[in-house]
Amino acid sequence: MADSDTKNRTDTSLKTAKPPLYKVILLNDDYTPREFVVRLLKAEFRVPEAQAGVIMLTAHTKGACVVAVFTKEIAEEKATRATDFARDNGFPLLFTTEPEE
């Protein structure tokens, strides 16, 4: 019997990579009423009123605050919709996105 040069196959399992996540960030301005910001956060990001108030106050005191984290497409869509809603109501409120580290 001859020695076999065949090697055992190793099982390879493929893992699906998780999509990169992006932060939606609320930037403070000195013109948009606090009540409007809270209402917008509740409507677009579905956060409870108490949490919306904390997000709004954090942005107000620190200049910016992370609202939520989503996949890139959802983060960009929500940031755009929230900013557009503010503009449609005459406010300069701005939401941006950036990769989560």
PDB file of N, CA and C in Angstrom:
ATOM      1  N   MET A   1       0.834  -1.177   0.000  1.00  0.00           N
ATOM      2  CA  MET A   1       0.000   0.000   0.000  1.00  0.00           C
ATOM      3  C   MET A   1       0.878   1.239   0.000  1.00  0.00           C
ATOM      4  N   ALA A   2       0.552   2.175  -0.820  1.00  0.00           N
ATOM      5  CA  ALA A   2       1.329   3.403  -0.909  1.00  0.00           C
ATOM      6  C   ALA A   2       0.770   4.436   0.055  1.00  0.00           C
ATOM      7  N   ASP A   3       1.675   5.293   0.558  1.00  0.00           N
ATOM      8  CA  ASP A   3       1.224   6.372   1.429  1.00  0.00           C
ATOM      9  C   ASP A   3       0.432   7.363   0.603  1.00  0.00           C
ATOM     10  N   SER A   4      -0.575   7.869   1.181  1.00  0.00           N
ATOM     11  CA  SER A   4      -1.424   8.839   0.481  1.00  0.00           C
ATOM     12  C   SER A   4      -0.931  10.256   0.769  1.00  0.00           C
ATOM     13  N   ASP A   5      -0.880  11.076  -0.266  1.00  0.00           N
ATOM     14  CA  ASP A   5      -0.480  12.475  -0.101  1.00  0.00           C
ATOM     15  C   ASP A   5      -1.679  13.389   0.110  1.00  0.00           C
ATOM     16  N   THR A   6      -2.816  12.829   0.283  1.00  0.00           N
ATOM     17  CA  THR A   6      -4.006  13.673   0.476  1.00  0.00           C
ATOM     18  C   THR A   6      -4.034  14.191   1.896  1.00  0.00           C
ATOM     19  N   LYS A   7      -4.541  15.398   2.027  1.00  0.00           N
ATOM     20  CA  LYS A   7      -4.630  16.024   3.341  1.00  0.00           C
ATOM     21  C   LYS A   7      -6.084  16.055   3.772  1.00  0.00           C
ATOM     22  N   ASN A   8      -6.266  16.010   5.056  1.00  0.00           N
ATOM     23  CA  ASN A   8      -7.628  16.121   5.575  1.00  0.00           C
ATOM     24  C   ASN A   8      -8.141  17.525   5.334  1.00  0.00           C
ATOM     25  N   ARG A   9      -9.369  17.585   4.961  1.00  0.00           N
ATOM     26  CA  ARG A   9      -9.992  18.899   4.781  1.00  0.00           C
ATOM     27  C   ARG A   9     -10.359  19.470   6.144  1.00  0.00           C
ATOM     28  N   THR A  10     -10.125  20.746   6.277  1.00  0.00           N
ATOM     29  CA  THR A  10     -10.565  21.397   7.507  1.00  0.00           C
ATOM     30  C   THR A  10     -11.892  22.072   7.213  1.00  0.00           C
ATOM     31  N   ASP A  11     -12.765  21.972   8.143  1.00  0.00           N
ATOM     32  CA  ASP A  11     -14.068  22.618   7.981  1.00  0.00           C
ATOM     33  C   ASP A  11     -13.891  24.123   8.089  1.00  0.00           C
ATOM     34  N   THR A  12     -14.431  24.806   7.137  1.00  0.00           N
ATOM     35  CA  THR A  12     -14.375  26.260   7.148  1.00  0.00           C
ATOM     36  C   THR A  12     -15.781  26.773   7.361  1.00  0.00           C
ATOM     37  N   SER A  13     -15.928  27.560   8.391  1.00  0.00           N
ATOM     38  CA  SER A  13     -17.252  28.140   8.613  1.00  0.00           C
ATOM     39  C   SER A  13     -17.158  29.627   8.320  1.00  0.00           C
ATOM     40  N   LEU A  14     -18.086  30.117   7.547  1.00  0.00           N
ATOM     41  CA  LEU A  14     -18.126  31.521   7.201  1.00  0.00           C
ATOM     42  C   LEU A  14     -19.005  32.256   8.193  1.00  0.00           C
ATOM     43  N   LYS A  15     -18.488  33.356   8.682  1.00  0.00           N
ATOM     44  CA  LYS A  15     -19.270  34.177   9.591  1.00  0.00           C
ATOM     45  C   LYS A  15     -19.692  35.427   8.848  1.00  0.00           C
ATOM     46  N   THR A  16     -20.937  35.759   8.991  1.00  0.00           N
ATOM     47  CA  THR A  16     -21.432  36.966   8.369  1.00  0.00           C
ATOM     48  C   THR A  16     -20.940  38.161   9.166  1.00  0.00           C
ATOM     49  N   ALA A  17     -20.291  39.075   8.474  1.00  0.00           N
ATOM     50  CA  ALA A  17     -19.783  40.266   9.153  1.00  0.00           C
ATOM     51  C   ALA A  17     -20.939  41.189   9.490  1.00  0.00           C
ATOM     52  N   LYS A  18     -20.880  41.748  10.673  1.00  0.00           N
ATOM     53  CA  LYS A  18     -21.914  42.708  11.062  1.00  0.00           C
ATOM     54  C   LYS A  18     -21.652  44.014  10.332  1.00  0.00           C
ATOM     55  N   PRO A  19     -22.712  44.669   9.884  1.00  0.00           N
ATOM     56  CA  PRO A  19     -22.496  45.947   9.183  1.00  0.00           C
ATOM     57  C   PRO A  19     -21.972  46.997  10.159  1.00  0.00           C
ATOM     58  N   PRO A  20     -21.145  47.912   9.653  1.00  0.00           N
ATOM     59  CA  PRO A  20     -20.636  48.959  10.539  1.00  0.00           C
ATOM     60  C   PRO A  20     -21.783  49.839  11.038  1.00  0.00           C
ATOM     61  N   LEU A  21     -21.656  50.306  12.257  1.00  0.00           N
ATOM     62  CA  LEU A  21     -22.709  51.127  12.852  1.00  0.00           C
ATOM     63  C   LEU A  21     -22.323  52.601  12.813  1.00  0.00           C
ATOM     64  N   TYR A  22     -23.340  53.435  12.729  1.00  0.00           N
ATOM     65  CA  TYR A  22     -23.152  54.884  12.664  1.00  0.00           C
ATOM     66  C   TYR A  22     -23.978  55.564  13.734  1.00  0.00           C
ATOM     67  N   LYS A  23     -23.399  56.602  14.323  1.00  0.00           N
ATOM     68  CA  LYS A  23     -24.079  57.390  15.346  1.00  0.00           C
ATOM     69  C   LYS A  23     -24.841  58.525  14.672  1.00  0.00           C
ATOM     70  N   VAL A  24     -26.054  58.771  15.141  1.00  0.00           N
ATOM     71  CA  VAL A  24     -26.792  59.971  14.750  1.00  0.00           C
ATOM     72  C   VAL A  24     -26.543  60.981  15.856  1.00  0.00           C
ATOM     73  N   ILE A  25     -26.066  62.159  15.467  1.00  0.00           N
ATOM     74  CA  ILE A  25     -25.673  63.172  16.447  1.00  0.00           C
ATOM     75  C   ILE A  25     -26.522  64.421  16.284  1.00  0.00           C
ATOM     76  N   LEU A  26     -27.066  64.892  17.396  1.00  0.00           N
ATOM     77  CA  LEU A  26     -27.825  66.140  17.443  1.00  0.00           C
ATOM     78  C   LEU A  26     -26.859  67.265  17.773  1.00  0.00           C
ATOM     79  N   LEU A  27     -26.810  68.287  16.912  1.00  0.00           N
ATOM     80  CA  LEU A  27     -25.963  69.450  17.156  1.00  0.00           C
ATOM     81  C   LEU A  27     -26.814  70.574  17.722  1.00  0.00           C
ATOM     82  N   ASN A  28     -26.331  71.214  18.759  1.00  0.00           N
ATOM     83  CA  ASN A  28     -27.070  72.292  19.409  1.00  0.00           C
ATOM     84  C   ASN A  28     -27.096  73.547  18.541  1.00  0.00           C
ATOM     85  N   ASP A  29     -28.170  74.280  18.643  1.00  0.00           N
ATOM     86  CA  ASP A  29     -28.232  75.631  18.083  1.00  0.00           C
ATOM     87  C   ASP A  29     -28.933  76.512  19.108  1.00  0.00           C
ATOM     88  N   ASP A  30     -28.840  77.804  18.934  1.00  0.00           N
ATOM     89  CA  ASP A  30     -29.421  78.723  19.917  1.00  0.00           C
ATOM     90  C   ASP A  30     -30.803  79.216  19.520  1.00  0.00           C
ATOM     91  N   TYR A  31     -31.421  78.603  18.536  1.00  0.00           N
ATOM     92  CA  TYR A  31     -32.687  79.107  18.006  1.00  0.00           C
ATOM     93  C   TYR A  31     -33.854  78.143  18.133  1.00  0.00           C
ATOM     94  N   THR A  32     -33.605  76.843  18.023  1.00  0.00           N
ATOM     95  CA  THR A  32     -34.688  75.869  18.042  1.00  0.00           C
ATOM     96  C   THR A  32     -35.201  75.689  19.468  1.00  0.00           C
ATOM     97  N   PRO A  33     -36.519  75.849  19.668  1.00  0.00           N
ATOM     98  CA  PRO A  33     -37.079  75.681  21.021  1.00  0.00           C
ATOM     99  C   PRO A  33     -36.876  74.255  21.551  1.00  0.00           C
ATOM    100  N   ARG A  34     -36.628  74.170  22.825  1.00  0.00           N
ATOM    101  CA  ARG A  34     -36.391  72.868  23.457  1.00  0.00           C
ATOM    102  C   ARG A  34     -37.570  71.922  23.264  1.00  0.00           C
ATOM    103  N   GLU A  35     -38.778  72.459  23.369  1.00  0.00           N
ATOM    104  CA  GLU A  35     -39.978  71.626  23.240  1.00  0.00           C
ATOM    105  C   GLU A  35     -40.048  71.004  21.841  1.00  0.00           C
ATOM    106  N   PHE A  36     -39.643  71.766  20.823  1.00  0.00           N
ATOM    107  CA  PHE A  36     -39.651  71.240  19.456  1.00  0.00           C
ATOM    108  C   PHE A  36     -38.640  70.097  19.327  1.00  0.00           C
ATOM    109  N   VAL A  37     -37.465  70.271  19.913  1.00  0.00           N
ATOM    110  CA  VAL A  37     -36.430  69.235  19.843  1.00  0.00           C
ATOM    111  C   VAL A  37     -36.933  67.949  20.496  1.00  0.00           C
ATOM    112  N   VAL A  38     -37.535  68.075  21.661  1.00  0.00           N
ATOM    113  CA  VAL A  38     -38.066  66.900  22.363  1.00  0.00           C
ATOM    114  C   VAL A  38     -39.142  66.222  21.522  1.00  0.00           C
ATOM    115  N   ARG A  39     -40.037  67.004  20.944  1.00  0.00           N
ATOM    116  CA  ARG A  39     -41.115  66.436  20.111  1.00  0.00           C
ATOM    117  C   ARG A  39     -40.527  65.701  18.907  1.00  0.00           C
ATOM    118  N   LEU A  40     -39.522  66.289  18.267  1.00  0.00           N
ATOM    119  CA  LEU A  40     -38.895  65.670  17.103  1.00  0.00           C
ATOM    120  C   LEU A  40     -38.191  64.363  17.489  1.00  0.00           C
ATOM    121  N   LEU A  41     -37.464  64.377  18.598  1.00  0.00           N
ATOM    122  CA  LEU A  41     -36.777  63.163  19.047  1.00  0.00           C
ATOM    123  C   LEU A  41     -37.760  62.035  19.338  1.00  0.00           C
ATOM    124  N   LYS A  42     -38.869  62.371  19.969  1.00  0.00           N
ATOM    125  CA  LYS A  42     -39.896  61.367  20.266  1.00  0.00           C
ATOM    126  C   LYS A  42     -40.490  60.802  18.978  1.00  0.00           C
ATOM    127  N   ALA A  43     -40.751  61.671  18.001  1.00  0.00           N
ATOM    128  CA  ALA A  43     -41.413  61.242  16.774  1.00  0.00           C
ATOM    129  C   ALA A  43     -40.469  60.449  15.857  1.00  0.00           C
ATOM    130  N   GLU A  44     -39.293  60.971  15.606  1.00  0.00           N
ATOM    131  CA  GLU A  44     -38.392  60.338  14.629  1.00  0.00           C
ATOM    132  C   GLU A  44     -37.595  59.180  15.208  1.00  0.00           C
ATOM    133  N   PHE A  45     -37.164  59.313  16.464  1.00  0.00           N
ATOM    134  CA  PHE A  45     -36.287  58.300  17.040  1.00  0.00           C
ATOM    135  C   PHE A  45     -36.984  57.409  18.058  1.00  0.00           C
ATOM    136  N   ARG A  46     -38.267  57.662  18.289  1.00  0.00           N
ATOM    137  CA  ARG A  46     -39.090  56.831  19.170  1.00  0.00           C
ATOM    138  C   ARG A  46     -38.498  56.688  20.572  1.00  0.00           C
ATOM    139  N   VAL A  47     -37.950  57.780  21.099  1.00  0.00           N
ATOM    140  CA  VAL A  47     -37.437  57.741  22.465  1.00  0.00           C
ATOM    141  C   VAL A  47     -38.507  58.286  23.403  1.00  0.00           C
ATOM    142  N   PRO A  48     -38.567  57.779  24.630  1.00  0.00           N
ATOM    143  CA  PRO A  48     -39.538  58.301  25.594  1.00  0.00           C
ATOM    144  C   PRO A  48     -39.239  59.769  25.916  1.00  0.00           C
ATOM    145  N   GLU A  49     -40.236  60.467  26.391  1.00  0.00           N
ATOM    146  CA  GLU A  49     -40.091  61.900  26.654  1.00  0.00           C
ATOM    147  C   GLU A  49     -38.934  62.211  27.597  1.00  0.00           C
ATOM    148  N   ALA A  50     -38.789  61.430  28.667  1.00  0.00           N
ATOM    149  CA  ALA A  50     -37.707  61.685  29.619  1.00  0.00           C
ATOM    150  C   ALA A  50     -36.339  61.558  28.946  1.00  0.00           C
ATOM    151  N   GLN A  51     -36.171  60.534  28.112  1.00  0.00           N
ATOM    152  CA  GLN A  51     -34.898  60.335  27.415  1.00  0.00           C
ATOM    153  C   GLN A  51     -34.671  61.442  26.389  1.00  0.00           C
ATOM    154  N   ALA A  52     -35.732  61.857  25.703  1.00  0.00           N
ATOM    155  CA  ALA A  52     -35.624  62.957  24.736  1.00  0.00           C
ATOM    156  C   ALA A  52     -35.171  64.231  25.440  1.00  0.00           C
ATOM    157  N   GLY A  53     -35.681  64.469  26.638  1.00  0.00           N
ATOM    158  CA  GLY A  53     -35.281  65.638  27.409  1.00  0.00           C
ATOM    159  C   GLY A  53     -33.806  65.596  27.786  1.00  0.00           C
ATOM    160  N   VAL A  54     -33.327  64.416  28.162  1.00  0.00           N
ATOM    161  CA  VAL A  54     -31.912  64.263  28.522  1.00  0.00           C
ATOM    162  C   VAL A  54     -31.029  64.489  27.292  1.00  0.00           C
ATOM    163  N   ILE A  55     -31.415  63.934  26.153  1.00  0.00           N
ATOM    164  CA  ILE A  55     -30.644  64.121  24.914  1.00  0.00           C
ATOM    165  C   ILE A  55     -30.593  65.605  24.556  1.00  0.00           C
ATOM    166  N   MET A  56     -31.739  66.267  24.611  1.00  0.00           N
ATOM    167  CA  MET A  56     -31.817  67.688  24.265  1.00  0.00           C
ATOM    168  C   MET A  56     -30.940  68.520  25.195  1.00  0.00           C
ATOM    169  N   LEU A  57     -31.014  68.268  26.513  1.00  0.00           N
ATOM    170  CA  LEU A  57     -30.217  69.033  27.470  1.00  0.00           C
ATOM    171  C   LEU A  57     -28.723  68.756  27.321  1.00  0.00           C
ATOM    172  N   THR A  58     -28.362  67.529  27.016  1.00  0.00           N
ATOM    173  CA  THR A  58     -26.951  67.200  26.803  1.00  0.00           C
ATOM    174  C   THR A  58     -26.414  67.951  25.592  1.00  0.00           C
ATOM    175  N   ALA A  59     -27.175  67.958  24.501  1.00  0.00           N
ATOM    176  CA  ALA A  59     -26.755  68.705  23.307  1.00  0.00           C
ATOM    177  C   ALA A  59     -26.672  70.198  23.632  1.00  0.00           C
ATOM    178  N   HIS A  60     -27.611  70.677  24.424  1.00  0.00           N
ATOM    179  CA  HIS A  60     -27.639  72.097  24.777  1.00  0.00           C
ATOM    180  C   HIS A  60     -26.414  72.499  25.601  1.00  0.00           C
ATOM    181  N   THR A  61     -26.023  71.659  26.542  1.00  0.00           N
ATOM    182  CA  THR A  61     -24.911  72.018  27.424  1.00  0.00           C
ATOM    183  C   THR A  61     -23.544  71.651  26.845  1.00  0.00           C
ATOM    184  N   LYS A  62     -23.477  70.586  26.061  1.00  0.00           N
ATOM    185  CA  LYS A  62     -22.173  70.128  25.544  1.00  0.00           C
ATOM    186  C   LYS A  62     -21.964  70.467  24.066  1.00  0.00           C
ATOM    187  N   GLY A  63     -22.999  70.927  23.390  1.00  0.00           N
ATOM    188  CA  GLY A  63     -22.867  71.282  21.984  1.00  0.00           C
ATOM    189  C   GLY A  63     -23.317  70.200  21.020  1.00  0.00           C
ATOM    190  N   ALA A  64     -23.327  68.951  21.470  1.00  0.00           N
ATOM    191  CA  ALA A  64     -23.761  67.832  20.625  1.00  0.00           C
ATOM    192  C   ALA A  64     -24.064  66.642  21.521  1.00  0.00           C
ATOM    193  N   CYS A  65     -24.868  65.716  20.990  1.00  0.00           N
ATOM    194  CA  CYS A  65     -25.210  64.518  21.749  1.00  0.00           C
ATOM    195  C   CYS A  65     -25.569  63.396  20.787  1.00  0.00           C
ATOM    196  N   VAL A  66     -25.093  62.190  21.085  1.00  0.00           N
ATOM    197  CA  VAL A  66     -25.477  61.024  20.288  1.00  0.00           C
ATOM    198  C   VAL A  66     -26.931  60.696  20.617  1.00  0.00           C
ATOM    199  N   VAL A  67     -27.728  60.600  19.570  1.00  0.00           N
ATOM    200  CA  VAL A  67     -29.150  60.294  19.745  1.00  0.00           C
ATOM    201  C   VAL A  67     -29.369  58.786  19.733  1.00  0.00           C
ATOM    202  N   ALA A  68     -28.770  58.105  18.737  1.00  0.00           N
ATOM    203  CA  ALA A  68     -28.961  56.670  18.576  1.00  0.00           C
ATOM    204  C   ALA A  68     -27.889  56.135  17.640  1.00  0.00           C
ATOM    205  N   VAL A  69     -27.803  54.804  17.554  1.00  0.00           N
ATOM    206  CA  VAL A  69     -26.832  54.152  16.681  1.00  0.00           C
ATOM    207  C   VAL A  69     -27.582  53.163  15.790  1.00  0.00           C
ATOM    208  N   PHE A  70     -27.281  53.237  14.485  1.00  0.00           N
ATOM    209  CA  PHE A  70     -27.956  52.398  13.491  1.00  0.00           C
ATOM    210  C   PHE A  70     -26.946  51.962  12.436  1.00  0.00           C
ATOM    211  N   THR A  71     -27.393  51.129  11.511  1.00  0.00           N
ATOM    212  CA  THR A  71     -26.585  50.865  10.324  1.00  0.00           C
ATOM    213  C   THR A  71     -26.489  52.175   9.542  1.00  0.00           C
ATOM    214  N   LYS A  72     -25.517  52.271   8.656  1.00  0.00           N
ATOM    215  CA  LYS A  72     -25.247  53.523   7.947  1.00  0.00           C
ATOM    216  C   LYS A  72     -26.474  54.071   7.234  1.00  0.00           C
ATOM    217  N   GLU A  73     -27.166  53.225   6.489  1.00  0.00           N
ATOM    218  CA  GLU A  73     -28.314  53.689   5.698  1.00  0.00           C
ATOM    219  C   GLU A  73     -29.419  54.233   6.584  1.00  0.00           C
ATOM    220  N   ILE A  74     -29.722  53.538   7.661  1.00  0.00           N
ATOM    221  CA  ILE A  74     -30.795  53.981   8.555  1.00  0.00           C
ATOM    222  C   ILE A  74     -30.385  55.259   9.281  1.00  0.00           C
ATOM    223  N   ALA A  75     -29.132  55.324   9.736  1.00  0.00           N
ATOM    224  CA  ALA A  75     -28.651  56.528  10.434  1.00  0.00           C
ATOM    225  C   ALA A  75     -28.758  57.744   9.523  1.00  0.00           C
ATOM    226  N   GLU A  76     -28.301  57.598   8.276  1.00  0.00           N
ATOM    227  CA  GLU A  76     -28.348  58.725   7.344  1.00  0.00           C
ATOM    228  C   GLU A  76     -29.778  59.128   7.025  1.00  0.00           C
ATOM    229  N   GLU A  77     -30.651  58.144   6.863  1.00  0.00           N
ATOM    230  CA  GLU A  77     -32.057  58.439   6.569  1.00  0.00           C
ATOM    231  C   GLU A  77     -32.715  59.188   7.727  1.00  0.00           C
ATOM    232  N   LYS A  78     -32.496  58.716   8.950  1.00  0.00           N
ATOM    233  CA  LYS A  78     -33.110  59.366  10.112  1.00  0.00           C
ATOM    234  C   LYS A  78     -32.548  60.769  10.331  1.00  0.00           C
ATOM    235  N   ALA A  79     -31.233  60.933  10.174  1.00  0.00           N
ATOM    236  CA  ALA A  79     -30.621  62.253  10.340  1.00  0.00           C
ATOM    237  C   ALA A  79     -31.169  63.229   9.303  1.00  0.00           C
ATOM    238  N   THR A  80     -31.299  62.772   8.073  1.00  0.00           N
ATOM    239  CA  THR A  80     -31.830  63.632   7.004  1.00  0.00           C
ATOM    240  C   THR A  80     -33.285  63.983   7.263  1.00  0.00           C
ATOM    241  N   ARG A  81     -34.092  62.993   7.632  1.00  0.00           N
ATOM    242  CA  ARG A  81     -35.513  63.259   7.894  1.00  0.00           C
ATOM    243  C   ARG A  81     -35.694  64.228   9.053  1.00  0.00           C
ATOM    244  N   ALA A  82     -34.920  64.046  10.125  1.00  0.00           N
ATOM    245  CA  ALA A  82     -35.036  64.921  11.295  1.00  0.00           C
ATOM    246  C   ALA A  82     -34.610  66.348  10.942  1.00  0.00           C
ATOM    247  N   THR A  83     -33.504  66.488  10.215  1.00  0.00           N
ATOM    248  CA  THR A  83     -33.037  67.816   9.806  1.00  0.00           C
ATOM    249  C   THR A  83     -34.048  68.479   8.876  1.00  0.00           C
ATOM    250  N   ASP A  84     -34.567  67.719   7.921  1.00  0.00           N
ATOM    251  CA  ASP A  84     -35.567  68.260   6.985  1.00  0.00           C
ATOM    252  C   ASP A  84     -36.831  68.691   7.717  1.00  0.00           C
ATOM    253  N   PHE A  85     -37.262  67.900   8.700  1.00  0.00           N
ATOM    254  CA  PHE A  85     -38.455  68.256   9.468  1.00  0.00           C
ATOM    255  C   PHE A  85     -38.238  69.579  10.196  1.00  0.00           C
ATOM    256  N   ALA A  86     -37.060  69.739  10.791  1.00  0.00           N
ATOM    257  CA  ALA A  86     -36.748  71.001  11.486  1.00  0.00           C
ATOM    258  C   ALA A  86     -36.762  72.161  10.493  1.00  0.00           C
ATOM    259  N   ARG A  87     -36.149  71.975   9.328  1.00  0.00           N
ATOM    260  CA  ARG A  87     -36.106  73.044   8.316  1.00  0.00           C
ATOM    261  C   ARG A  87     -37.512  73.385   7.822  1.00  0.00           C
ATOM    262  N   ASP A  88     -38.329  72.356   7.627  1.00  0.00           N
ATOM    263  CA  ASP A  88     -39.712  72.578   7.171  1.00  0.00           C
ATOM    264  C   ASP A  88     -40.507  73.389   8.191  1.00  0.00           C
ATOM    265  N   ASN A  89     -40.083  73.331   9.452  1.00  0.00           N
ATOM    266  CA  ASN A  89     -40.748  74.086  10.510  1.00  0.00           C
ATOM    267  C   ASN A  89     -40.018  75.382  10.849  1.00  0.00           C
ATOM    268  N   GLY A  90     -39.039  75.744  10.025  1.00  0.00           N
ATOM    269  CA  GLY A  90     -38.352  77.023  10.180  1.00  0.00           C
ATOM    270  C   GLY A  90     -37.226  77.060  11.191  1.00  0.00           C
ATOM    271  N   PHE A  91     -36.677  75.884  11.549  1.00  0.00           N
ATOM    272  CA  PHE A  91     -35.612  75.835  12.544  1.00  0.00           C
ATOM    273  C   PHE A  91     -34.319  75.322  11.922  1.00  0.00           C
ATOM    274  N   PRO A  92     -33.168  75.827  12.402  1.00  0.00           N
ATOM    275  CA  PRO A  92     -31.877  75.415  11.849  1.00  0.00           C
ATOM    276  C   PRO A  92     -31.282  74.156  12.491  1.00  0.00           C
ATOM    277  N   LEU A  93     -32.077  73.403  13.223  1.00  0.00           N
ATOM    278  CA  LEU A  93     -31.588  72.214  13.922  1.00  0.00           C
ATOM    279  C   LEU A  93     -30.908  71.263  12.938  1.00  0.00           C
ATOM    280  N   LEU A  94     -29.785  70.677  13.365  1.00  0.00           N
ATOM    281  CA  LEU A  94     -29.016  69.821  12.472  1.00  0.00           C
ATOM    282  C   LEU A  94     -28.669  68.501  13.142  1.00  0.00           C
ATOM    283  N   PHE A  95     -28.866  67.428  12.392  1.00  0.00           N
ATOM    284  CA  PHE A  95     -28.455  66.086  12.797  1.00  0.00           C
ATOM    285  C   PHE A  95     -27.405  65.612  11.806  1.00  0.00           C
ATOM    286  N   THR A  96     -26.349  64.985  12.308  1.00  0.00           N
ATOM    287  CA  THR A  96     -25.308  64.441  11.444  1.00  0.00           C
ATOM    288  C   THR A  96     -25.079  62.986  11.805  1.00  0.00           C
ATOM    289  N   THR A  97     -24.250  62.318  11.003  1.00  0.00           N
ATOM    290  CA  THR A  97     -23.885  60.930  11.305  1.00  0.00           C
ATOM    291  C   THR A  97     -22.366  60.807  11.257  1.00  0.00           C
ATOM    292  N   GLU A  98     -21.870  59.830  12.002  1.00  0.00           N
ATOM    293  CA  GLU A  98     -20.447  59.494  11.927  1.00  0.00           C
ATOM    294  C   GLU A  98     -20.276  58.044  12.349  1.00  0.00           C
ATOM    295  N   PRO A  99     -19.237  57.382  11.844  1.00  0.00           N
ATOM    296  CA  PRO A  99     -19.032  55.975  12.205  1.00  0.00           C
ATOM    297  C   PRO A  99     -18.824  55.795  13.695  1.00  0.00           C
ATOM    298  N   GLU A 100     -19.365  54.697  14.209  1.00  0.00           N
ATOM    299  CA  GLU A 100     -19.126  54.378  15.613  1.00  0.00           C
ATOM    300  C   GLU A 100     -17.765  53.696  15.696  1.00  0.00           C
ATOM    301  N   GLU A 101     -17.003  54.051  16.690  1.00  0.00           N
ATOM    302  CA  GLU A 101     -15.639  53.498  16.808  1.00  0.00           C
ATOM    303  C   GLU A 101     -15.604  52.238  17.599  1.00  0.00           C
TER     304      GLU A 101
END
